[in-house]
PDB file of all heavy atoms in Angstrom:
ATOM      1  N   GLN A   1      25.441  51.855  25.919  1.00  0.00           N
ATOM      2  CA  GLN A   1      26.421  51.238  25.088  1.00  0.00           C
ATOM      3  C   GLN A   1      26.149  49.734  24.914  1.00  0.00           C
ATOM      4  O   GLN A   1      25.437  49.163  25.780  1.00  0.00           O
ATOM      5  CB  GLN A   1      27.829  51.446  25.646  1.00  0.00           C
ATOM      6  CG  GLN A   1      28.271  52.886  25.673  1.00  0.00           C
ATOM      7  CD  GLN A   1      29.729  53.041  26.125  1.00  0.00           C
ATOM      8  OE1 GLN A   1      30.227  52.239  26.913  1.00  0.00           O
ATOM      9  NE2 GLN A   1      30.381  54.062  25.620  1.00  0.00           N
ATOM     10  N   ALA A   2      26.678  49.157  23.919  1.00  0.00           N
ATOM     11  CA  ALA A   2      26.510  47.741  23.687  1.00  0.00           C
ATOM     12  C   ALA A   2      27.005  46.981  24.896  1.00  0.00           C
ATOM     13  O   ALA A   2      28.054  47.300  25.468  1.00  0.00           O
ATOM     14  CB  ALA A   2      27.288  47.304  22.438  1.00  0.00           C
ATOM     15  N   GLY A   3      26.211  45.983  25.280  1.00  0.00           N
ATOM     16  CA  GLY A   3      26.516  45.179  26.483  1.00  0.00           C
ATOM     17  C   GLY A   3      25.851  45.684  27.769  1.00  0.00           C
ATOM     18  O   GLY A   3      25.836  44.961  28.755  1.00  0.00           O
ATOM     19  N   ASP A   4      25.357  46.902  27.728  1.00  0.00           N
ATOM     20  CA  ASP A   4      24.691  47.463  28.906  1.00  0.00           C
ATOM     21  C   ASP A   4      23.277  46.897  29.077  1.00  0.00           C
ATOM     22  O   ASP A   4      22.779  46.120  28.208  1.00  0.00           O
ATOM     23  CB  ASP A   4      24.600  48.968  28.789  1.00  0.00           C
ATOM     24  CG  ASP A   4      25.931  49.652  29.024  1.00  0.00           C
ATOM     25  OD1 ASP A   4      26.879  48.983  29.457  1.00  0.00           O
ATOM     26  OD2 ASP A   4      26.023  50.886  28.773  1.00  0.00           O
ATOM     27  N   SER A   5      22.662  47.307  30.173  1.00  0.00           N
ATOM     28  CA  SER A   5      21.307  46.871  30.462  1.00  0.00           C
ATOM     29  C   SER A   5      20.380  48.077  30.634  1.00  0.00           C
ATOM     30  O   SER A   5      20.813  49.166  30.964  1.00  0.00           O
ATOM     31  CB  SER A   5      21.284  46.056  31.766  1.00  0.00           C
ATOM     32  OG  SER A   5      22.043  44.891  31.651  1.00  0.00           O
ATOM     33  N   LEU A   6      19.089  47.858  30.367  1.00  0.00           N
ATOM     34  CA  LEU A   6      18.074  48.825  30.575  1.00  0.00           C
ATOM     35  C   LEU A   6      16.813  48.145  31.057  1.00  0.00           C
ATOM     36  O   LEU A   6      16.594  46.940  30.731  1.00  0.00           O
ATOM     37  CB  LEU A   6      17.690  49.597  29.296  1.00  0.00           C
ATOM     38  CG  LEU A   6      18.457  50.853  28.925  1.00  0.00           C
ATOM     39  CD1 LEU A   6      17.953  51.392  27.608  1.00  0.00           C
ATOM     40  CD2 LEU A   6      18.390  51.924  29.980  1.00  0.00           C
ATOM     41  N   ARG A   7      16.012  48.847  31.837  1.00  0.00           N
ATOM     42  CA  ARG A   7      14.729  48.278  32.280  1.00  0.00           C
ATOM     43  C   ARG A   7      13.620  49.215  31.877  1.00  0.00           C
ATOM     44  O   ARG A   7      13.620  50.364  32.265  1.00  0.00           O
ATOM     45  CB  ARG A   7      14.743  48.095  33.811  1.00  0.00           C
ATOM     46  CG  ARG A   7      13.461  47.449  34.369  1.00  0.00           C
ATOM     47  CD  ARG A   7      13.595  47.283  35.897  1.00  0.00           C
ATOM     48  NE  ARG A   7      12.411  46.723  36.518  1.00  0.00           N
ATOM     49  CZ  ARG A   7      12.154  45.455  36.627  1.00  0.00           C
ATOM     50  NH1 ARG A   7      13.000  44.530  36.099  1.00  0.00           N
ATOM     51  NH2 ARG A   7      11.064  45.020  37.227  1.00  0.00           N
ATOM     52  N   LEU A   8      12.726  48.678  31.065  1.00  0.00           N
ATOM     53  CA  LEU A   8      11.580  49.474  30.633  1.00  0.00           C
ATOM     54  C   LEU A   8      10.358  49.148  31.543  1.00  0.00           C
ATOM     55  O   LEU A   8      10.215  48.004  31.929  1.00  0.00           O
ATOM     56  CB  LEU A   8      11.209  49.183  29.179  1.00  0.00           C
ATOM     57  CG  LEU A   8      12.297  49.385  28.158  1.00  0.00           C
ATOM     58  CD1 LEU A   8      11.748  49.083  26.762  1.00  0.00           C
ATOM     59  CD2 LEU A   8      12.882  50.761  28.212  1.00  0.00           C
ATOM     60  N   SER A   9       9.575  50.175  31.839  1.00  0.00           N
ATOM     61  CA  SER A   9       8.375  49.953  32.630  1.00  0.00           C
ATOM     62  C   SER A   9       7.180  50.548  31.892  1.00  0.00           C
ATOM     63  O   SER A   9       7.314  51.527  31.133  1.00  0.00           O
ATOM     64  CB  SER A   9       8.525  50.611  33.986  1.00  0.00           C
ATOM     65  OG  SER A   9       9.534  50.004  34.736  1.00  0.00           O
ATOM     66  N   CYS A  10       6.030  49.964  32.133  1.00  0.00           N
ATOM     67  CA  CYS A  10       4.813  50.432  31.494  1.00  0.00           C
ATOM     68  C   CYS A  10       3.688  50.352  32.559  1.00  0.00           C
ATOM     69  O   CYS A  10       3.508  49.294  33.167  1.00  0.00           O
ATOM     70  CB  CYS A  10       4.428  49.579  30.308  1.00  0.00           C
ATOM     71  SG  CYS A  10       2.803  49.962  29.571  1.00  0.00           S
ATOM     72  N   ALA A  11       2.997  51.462  32.742  1.00  0.00           N
ATOM     73  CA  ALA A  11       1.921  51.525  33.695  1.00  0.00           C
ATOM     74  C   ALA A  11       0.617  51.689  32.976  1.00  0.00           C
ATOM     75  O   ALA A  11       0.473  52.577  32.128  1.00  0.00           O
ATOM     76  CB  ALA A  11       2.129  52.678  34.692  1.00  0.00           C
ATOM     77  N   ALA A  12      -0.345  50.852  33.275  1.00  0.00           N
ATOM     78  CA  ALA A  12      -1.673  50.956  32.684  1.00  0.00           C
ATOM     79  C   ALA A  12      -2.639  51.613  33.631  1.00  0.00           C
ATOM     80  O   ALA A  12      -2.581  51.413  34.843  1.00  0.00           O
ATOM     81  CB  ALA A  12      -2.191  49.542  32.360  1.00  0.00           C
ATOM     82  N   SER A  13      -3.512  52.447  33.079  1.00  0.00           N
ATOM     83  CA  SER A  13      -4.535  53.101  33.859  1.00  0.00           C
ATOM     84  C   SER A  13      -5.822  53.146  33.052  1.00  0.00           C
ATOM     85  O   SER A  13      -5.844  52.773  31.873  1.00  0.00           O
ATOM     86  CB  SER A  13      -4.100  54.536  34.252  1.00  0.00           C
ATOM     87  OG  SER A  13      -3.881  55.308  33.079  1.00  0.00           O
ATOM     88  N   GLY A  14      -6.881  53.613  33.668  1.00  0.00           N
ATOM     89  CA  GLY A  14      -8.178  53.622  33.005  1.00  0.00           C
ATOM     90  C   GLY A  14      -8.939  52.352  33.328  1.00  0.00           C
ATOM     91  O   GLY A  14      -8.930  51.866  34.450  1.00  0.00           O
ATOM     92  N   ASP A  15      -9.555  51.780  32.336  1.00  0.00           N
ATOM     93  CA  ASP A  15     -10.361  50.573  32.525  1.00  0.00           C
ATOM     94  C   ASP A  15      -9.445  49.361  32.392  1.00  0.00           C
ATOM     95  O   ASP A  15      -9.330  48.720  31.331  1.00  0.00           O
ATOM     96  CB  ASP A  15     -11.472  50.487  31.477  1.00  0.00           C
ATOM     97  CG  ASP A  15     -12.535  49.497  31.850  1.00  0.00           C
ATOM     98  OD1 ASP A  15     -12.315  48.729  32.834  1.00  0.00           O
ATOM     99  OD2 ASP A  15     -13.554  49.409  31.166  1.00  0.00           O
ATOM    100  N   THR A  16      -8.735  49.032  33.487  1.00  0.00           N
ATOM    101  CA  THR A  16      -7.757  47.978  33.462  1.00  0.00           C
ATOM    102  C   THR A  16      -8.271  46.611  33.843  1.00  0.00           C
ATOM    103  O   THR A  16      -7.524  45.621  33.861  1.00  0.00           O
ATOM    104  CB  THR A  16      -6.561  48.331  34.368  1.00  0.00           C
ATOM    105  OG1 THR A  16      -7.085  48.485  35.719  1.00  0.00           O
ATOM    106  CG2 THR A  16      -5.857  49.590  33.933  1.00  0.00           C
ATOM    107  N   THR A  17      -9.555  46.520  34.150  1.00  0.00           N
ATOM    108  CA  THR A  17     -10.112  45.197  34.507  1.00  0.00           C
ATOM    109  C   THR A  17     -10.099  44.305  33.286  1.00  0.00           C
ATOM    110  O   THR A  17     -10.344  44.753  32.182  1.00  0.00           O
ATOM    111  CB  THR A  17     -11.546  45.320  35.034  1.00  0.00           C
ATOM    112  OG1 THR A  17     -12.348  45.968  34.039  1.00  0.00           O
ATOM    113  CG2 THR A  17     -11.565  46.115  36.326  1.00  0.00           C
ATOM    114  N   CYS A  18      -9.778  43.067  33.517  1.00  0.00           N
ATOM    115  CA  CYS A  18      -9.819  42.054  32.460  1.00  0.00           C
ATOM    116  C   CYS A  18      -8.794  42.263  31.335  1.00  0.00           C
ATOM    117  O   CYS A  18      -9.006  41.825  30.215  1.00  0.00           O
ATOM    118  CB  CYS A  18     -11.233  41.912  31.857  1.00  0.00           C
ATOM    119  SG  CYS A  18     -12.483  41.483  33.070  1.00  0.00           S
ATOM    120  N   ILE A  19      -7.697  42.960  31.639  1.00  0.00           N
ATOM    121  CA  ILE A  19      -6.601  42.990  30.643  1.00  0.00           C
ATOM    122  C   ILE A  19      -6.048  41.587  30.572  1.00  0.00           C
ATOM    123  O   ILE A  19      -5.706  41.003  31.584  1.00  0.00           O
ATOM    124  CB  ILE A  19      -5.498  43.991  31.053  1.00  0.00           C
ATOM    125  CG1 ILE A  19      -6.017  45.423  30.944  1.00  0.00           C
ATOM    126  CG2 ILE A  19      -4.280  43.800  30.186  1.00  0.00           C
ATOM    127  CD1 ILE A  19      -5.010  46.446  31.358  1.00  0.00           C
ATOM    128  N   SER A  20      -5.980  41.041  29.427  1.00  0.00           N
ATOM    129  CA  SER A  20      -5.467  39.686  29.275  1.00  0.00           C
ATOM    130  C   SER A  20      -3.922  39.755  29.085  1.00  0.00           C
ATOM    131  O   SER A  20      -3.186  39.742  30.023  1.00  0.00           O
ATOM    132  CB  SER A  20      -6.129  38.974  28.100  1.00  0.00           C
ATOM    133  OG  SER A  20      -6.024  39.745  26.897  1.00  0.00           O
ATOM    134  N   SER A  21      -3.495  39.886  27.869  1.00  0.00           N
ATOM    135  CA  SER A  21      -2.071  39.884  27.621  1.00  0.00           C
ATOM    136  C   SER A  21      -1.501  41.284  27.618  1.00  0.00           C
ATOM    137  O   SER A  21      -2.186  42.233  27.209  1.00  0.00           O
ATOM    138  CB  SER A  21      -1.803  39.217  26.268  1.00  0.00           C
ATOM    139  OG  SER A  21      -0.446  39.272  25.918  1.00  0.00           O
ATOM    140  N   MET A  22      -0.289  41.432  28.114  1.00  0.00           N
ATOM    141  CA  MET A  22       0.448  42.664  28.011  1.00  0.00           C
ATOM    142  C   MET A  22       1.810  42.343  27.395  1.00  0.00           C
ATOM    143  O   MET A  22       2.258  41.186  27.497  1.00  0.00           O
ATOM    144  CB  MET A  22       0.652  43.346  29.379  1.00  0.00           C
ATOM    145  CG  MET A  22      -0.634  43.752  30.043  1.00  0.00           C
ATOM    146  SD  MET A  22      -0.374  44.703  31.579  1.00  0.00           S
ATOM    147  CE  MET A  22       0.103  46.323  30.876  1.00  0.00           C
ATOM    148  N   GLY A  23       2.380  43.324  26.753  1.00  0.00           N
ATOM    149  CA  GLY A  23       3.660  43.005  26.142  1.00  0.00           C
ATOM    150  C   GLY A  23       4.406  44.204  25.602  1.00  0.00           C
ATOM    151  O   GLY A  23       3.991  45.371  25.816  1.00  0.00           O
ATOM    152  N   TRP A  24       5.522  43.915  24.997  1.00  0.00           N
ATOM    153  CA  TRP A  24       6.373  44.936  24.408  1.00  0.00           C
ATOM    154  C   TRP A  24       6.629  44.612  22.911  1.00  0.00           C
ATOM    155  O   TRP A  24       6.858  43.436  22.582  1.00  0.00           O
ATOM    156  CB  TRP A  24       7.700  44.982  25.149  1.00  0.00           C
ATOM    157  CG  TRP A  24       7.602  45.525  26.541  1.00  0.00           C
ATOM    158  CD1 TRP A  24       7.396  44.802  27.688  1.00  0.00           C
ATOM    159  CD2 TRP A  24       7.636  46.887  26.927  1.00  0.00           C
ATOM    160  NE1 TRP A  24       7.308  45.636  28.758  1.00  0.00           N
ATOM    161  CE2 TRP A  24       7.454  46.915  28.341  1.00  0.00           C
ATOM    162  CE3 TRP A  24       7.829  48.110  26.244  1.00  0.00           C
ATOM    163  CZ2 TRP A  24       7.480  48.117  29.047  1.00  0.00           C
ATOM    164  CZ3 TRP A  24       7.828  49.288  26.935  1.00  0.00           C
ATOM    165  CH2 TRP A  24       7.654  49.274  28.330  1.00  0.00           C
ATOM    166  N   TYR A  25       6.537  45.653  22.137  1.00  0.00           N
ATOM    167  CA  TYR A  25       6.879  45.578  20.734  1.00  0.00           C
ATOM    168  C   TYR A  25       7.929  46.631  20.438  1.00  0.00           C
ATOM    169  O   TYR A  25       8.100  47.554  21.226  1.00  0.00           O
ATOM    170  CB  TYR A  25       5.635  45.806  19.869  1.00  0.00           C
ATOM    171  CG  TYR A  25       4.608  44.724  19.940  1.00  0.00           C
ATOM    172  CD1 TYR A  25       3.878  44.510  21.096  1.00  0.00           C
ATOM    173  CD2 TYR A  25       4.358  43.901  18.856  1.00  0.00           C
ATOM    174  CE1 TYR A  25       2.930  43.483  21.188  1.00  0.00           C
ATOM    175  CE2 TYR A  25       3.413  42.896  18.916  1.00  0.00           C
ATOM    176  CZ  TYR A  25       2.710  42.671  20.073  1.00  0.00           C
ATOM    177  OH  TYR A  25       1.768  41.697  20.121  1.00  0.00           O
ATOM    178  N   ARG A  26       8.589  46.518  19.294  1.00  0.00           N
ATOM    179  CA  ARG A  26       9.544  47.547  18.944  1.00  0.00           C
ATOM    180  C   ARG A  26       9.532  47.782  17.452  1.00  0.00           C
ATOM    181  O   ARG A  26       9.206  46.925  16.657  1.00  0.00           O
ATOM    182  CB  ARG A  26      10.964  47.128  19.402  1.00  0.00           C
ATOM    183  CG  ARG A  26      11.623  46.032  18.598  1.00  0.00           C
ATOM    184  CD  ARG A  26      12.945  45.659  19.223  1.00  0.00           C
ATOM    185  NE  ARG A  26      13.738  44.765  18.347  1.00  0.00           N
ATOM    186  CZ  ARG A  26      14.860  44.152  18.750  1.00  0.00           C
ATOM    187  NH1 ARG A  26      15.390  44.383  19.990  1.00  0.00           N
ATOM    188  NH2 ARG A  26      15.521  43.405  17.903  1.00  0.00           N
ATOM    189  N   GLN A  27       9.928  49.021  17.115  1.00  0.00           N
ATOM    190  CA  GLN A  27      10.014  49.423  15.724  1.00  0.00           C
ATOM    191  C   GLN A  27      11.279  50.193  15.485  1.00  0.00           C
ATOM    192  O   GLN A  27      11.519  51.281  16.001  1.00  0.00           O
ATOM    193  CB  GLN A  27       8.807  50.309  15.364  1.00  0.00           C
ATOM    194  CG  GLN A  27       8.681  50.624  13.867  1.00  0.00           C
ATOM    195  CD  GLN A  27       7.338  51.214  13.514  1.00  0.00           C
ATOM    196  OE1 GLN A  27       6.559  51.597  14.380  1.00  0.00           O
ATOM    197  NE2 GLN A  27       7.058  51.243  12.208  1.00  0.00           N
ATOM    198  N   GLY A  28      12.166  49.548  14.754  1.00  0.00           N
ATOM    199  CA  GLY A  28      13.434  50.162  14.387  1.00  0.00           C
ATOM    200  C   GLY A  28      13.286  51.103  13.212  1.00  0.00           C
ATOM    201  O   GLY A  28      12.261  51.073  12.507  1.00  0.00           O
ATOM    202  N   PRO A  29      14.324  51.919  12.942  1.00  0.00           N
ATOM    203  CA  PRO A  29      14.257  52.828  11.819  1.00  0.00           C
ATOM    204  C   PRO A  29      14.001  52.138  10.475  1.00  0.00           C
ATOM    205  O   PRO A  29      14.728  51.193  10.111  1.00  0.00           O
ATOM    206  CB  PRO A  29      15.654  53.495  11.833  1.00  0.00           C
ATOM    207  CG  PRO A  29      16.141  53.279  13.210  1.00  0.00           C
ATOM    208  CD  PRO A  29      15.574  51.972  13.658  1.00  0.00           C
ATOM    209  N   GLY A  30      12.967  52.536   9.817  1.00  0.00           N
ATOM    210  CA  GLY A  30      12.620  51.911   8.516  1.00  0.00           C
ATOM    211  C   GLY A  30      12.112  50.523   8.570  1.00  0.00           C
ATOM    212  O   GLY A  30      12.036  49.824   7.544  1.00  0.00           O
ATOM    213  N   LYS A  31      11.713  50.030   9.764  1.00  0.00           N
ATOM    214  CA  LYS A  31      11.280  48.667   9.921  1.00  0.00           C
ATOM    215  C   LYS A  31       9.831  48.617  10.406  1.00  0.00           C
ATOM    216  O   LYS A  31       9.275  49.627  10.873  1.00  0.00           O
ATOM    217  CB  LYS A  31      12.168  47.937  10.880  1.00  0.00           C
ATOM    218  CG  LYS A  31      13.630  47.812  10.440  1.00  0.00           C
ATOM    219  CD  LYS A  31      14.428  47.032  11.455  1.00  0.00           C
ATOM    220  CE  LYS A  31      15.878  46.894  11.007  1.00  0.00           C
ATOM    221  NZ  LYS A  31      16.700  46.121  11.991  1.00  0.00           N
ATOM    222  N   GLU A  32       9.217  47.470  10.307  1.00  0.00           N
ATOM    223  CA  GLU A  32       7.898  47.303  10.848  1.00  0.00           C
ATOM    224  C   GLU A  32       7.963  47.038  12.354  1.00  0.00           C
ATOM    225  O   GLU A  32       9.031  46.749  12.917  1.00  0.00           O
ATOM    226  CB  GLU A  32       7.229  46.084  10.172  1.00  0.00           C
ATOM    227  CG  GLU A  32       6.993  46.285   8.688  1.00  0.00           C
ATOM    228  CD  GLU A  32       6.257  45.109   8.057  1.00  0.00           C
ATOM    229  OE1 GLU A  32       6.085  44.113   8.739  1.00  0.00           O
ATOM    230  OE2 GLU A  32       5.811  45.260   6.910  1.00  0.00           O
ATOM    231  N   ARG A  33       6.823  47.203  13.003  1.00  0.00           N
ATOM    232  CA  ARG A  33       6.759  46.940  14.437  1.00  0.00           C
ATOM    233  C   ARG A  33       6.731  45.424  14.652  1.00  0.00           C
ATOM    234  O   ARG A  33       5.926  44.700  14.136  1.00  0.00           O
ATOM    235  CB  ARG A  33       5.507  47.587  15.028  1.00  0.00           C
ATOM    236  CG  ARG A  33       5.439  47.582  16.535  1.00  0.00           C
ATOM    237  CD  ARG A  33       4.258  48.417  17.072  1.00  0.00           C
ATOM    238  NE  ARG A  33       4.359  49.795  16.644  1.00  0.00           N
ATOM    239  CZ  ARG A  33       3.508  50.755  17.109  1.00  0.00           C
ATOM    240  NH1 ARG A  33       2.546  50.420  17.963  1.00  0.00           N
ATOM    241  NH2 ARG A  33       3.618  52.006  16.693  1.00  0.00           N
ATOM    242  N   ASP A  34       7.659  44.996  15.543  1.00  0.00           N
ATOM    243  CA  ASP A  34       7.817  43.566  15.810  1.00  0.00           C
ATOM    244  C   ASP A  34       7.518  43.250  17.256  1.00  0.00           C
ATOM    245  O   ASP A  34       7.813  44.029  18.152  1.00  0.00           O
ATOM    246  CB  ASP A  34       9.251  43.072  15.521  1.00  0.00           C
ATOM    247  CG  ASP A  34       9.580  43.121  14.049  1.00  0.00           C
ATOM    248  OD1 ASP A  34       8.673  42.841  13.216  1.00  0.00           O
ATOM    249  OD2 ASP A  34      10.746  43.425  13.743  1.00  0.00           O
ATOM    250  N   LEU A  35       6.982  42.053  17.520  1.00  0.00           N
ATOM    251  CA  LEU A  35       6.808  41.566  18.869  1.00  0.00           C
ATOM    252  C   LEU A  35       8.146  41.364  19.533  1.00  0.00           C
ATOM    253  O   LEU A  35       9.057  40.774  18.928  1.00  0.00           O
ATOM    254  CB  LEU A  35       5.977  40.309  18.861  1.00  0.00           C
ATOM    255  CG  LEU A  35       5.677  39.673  20.208  1.00  0.00           C
ATOM    256  CD1 LEU A  35       4.294  38.989  20.167  1.00  0.00           C
ATOM    257  CD2 LEU A  35       6.699  38.652  20.621  1.00  0.00           C
TER     258      LEU A  35
END
């Protein structure tokens, strides 16, 4: 519900050496993907 909290997690695997930036993007209905 509005006002609540959530925690998203992301785990990387494979060739993870030298990963520089990590981040989250989102795409709403009918919208472009935004940082």
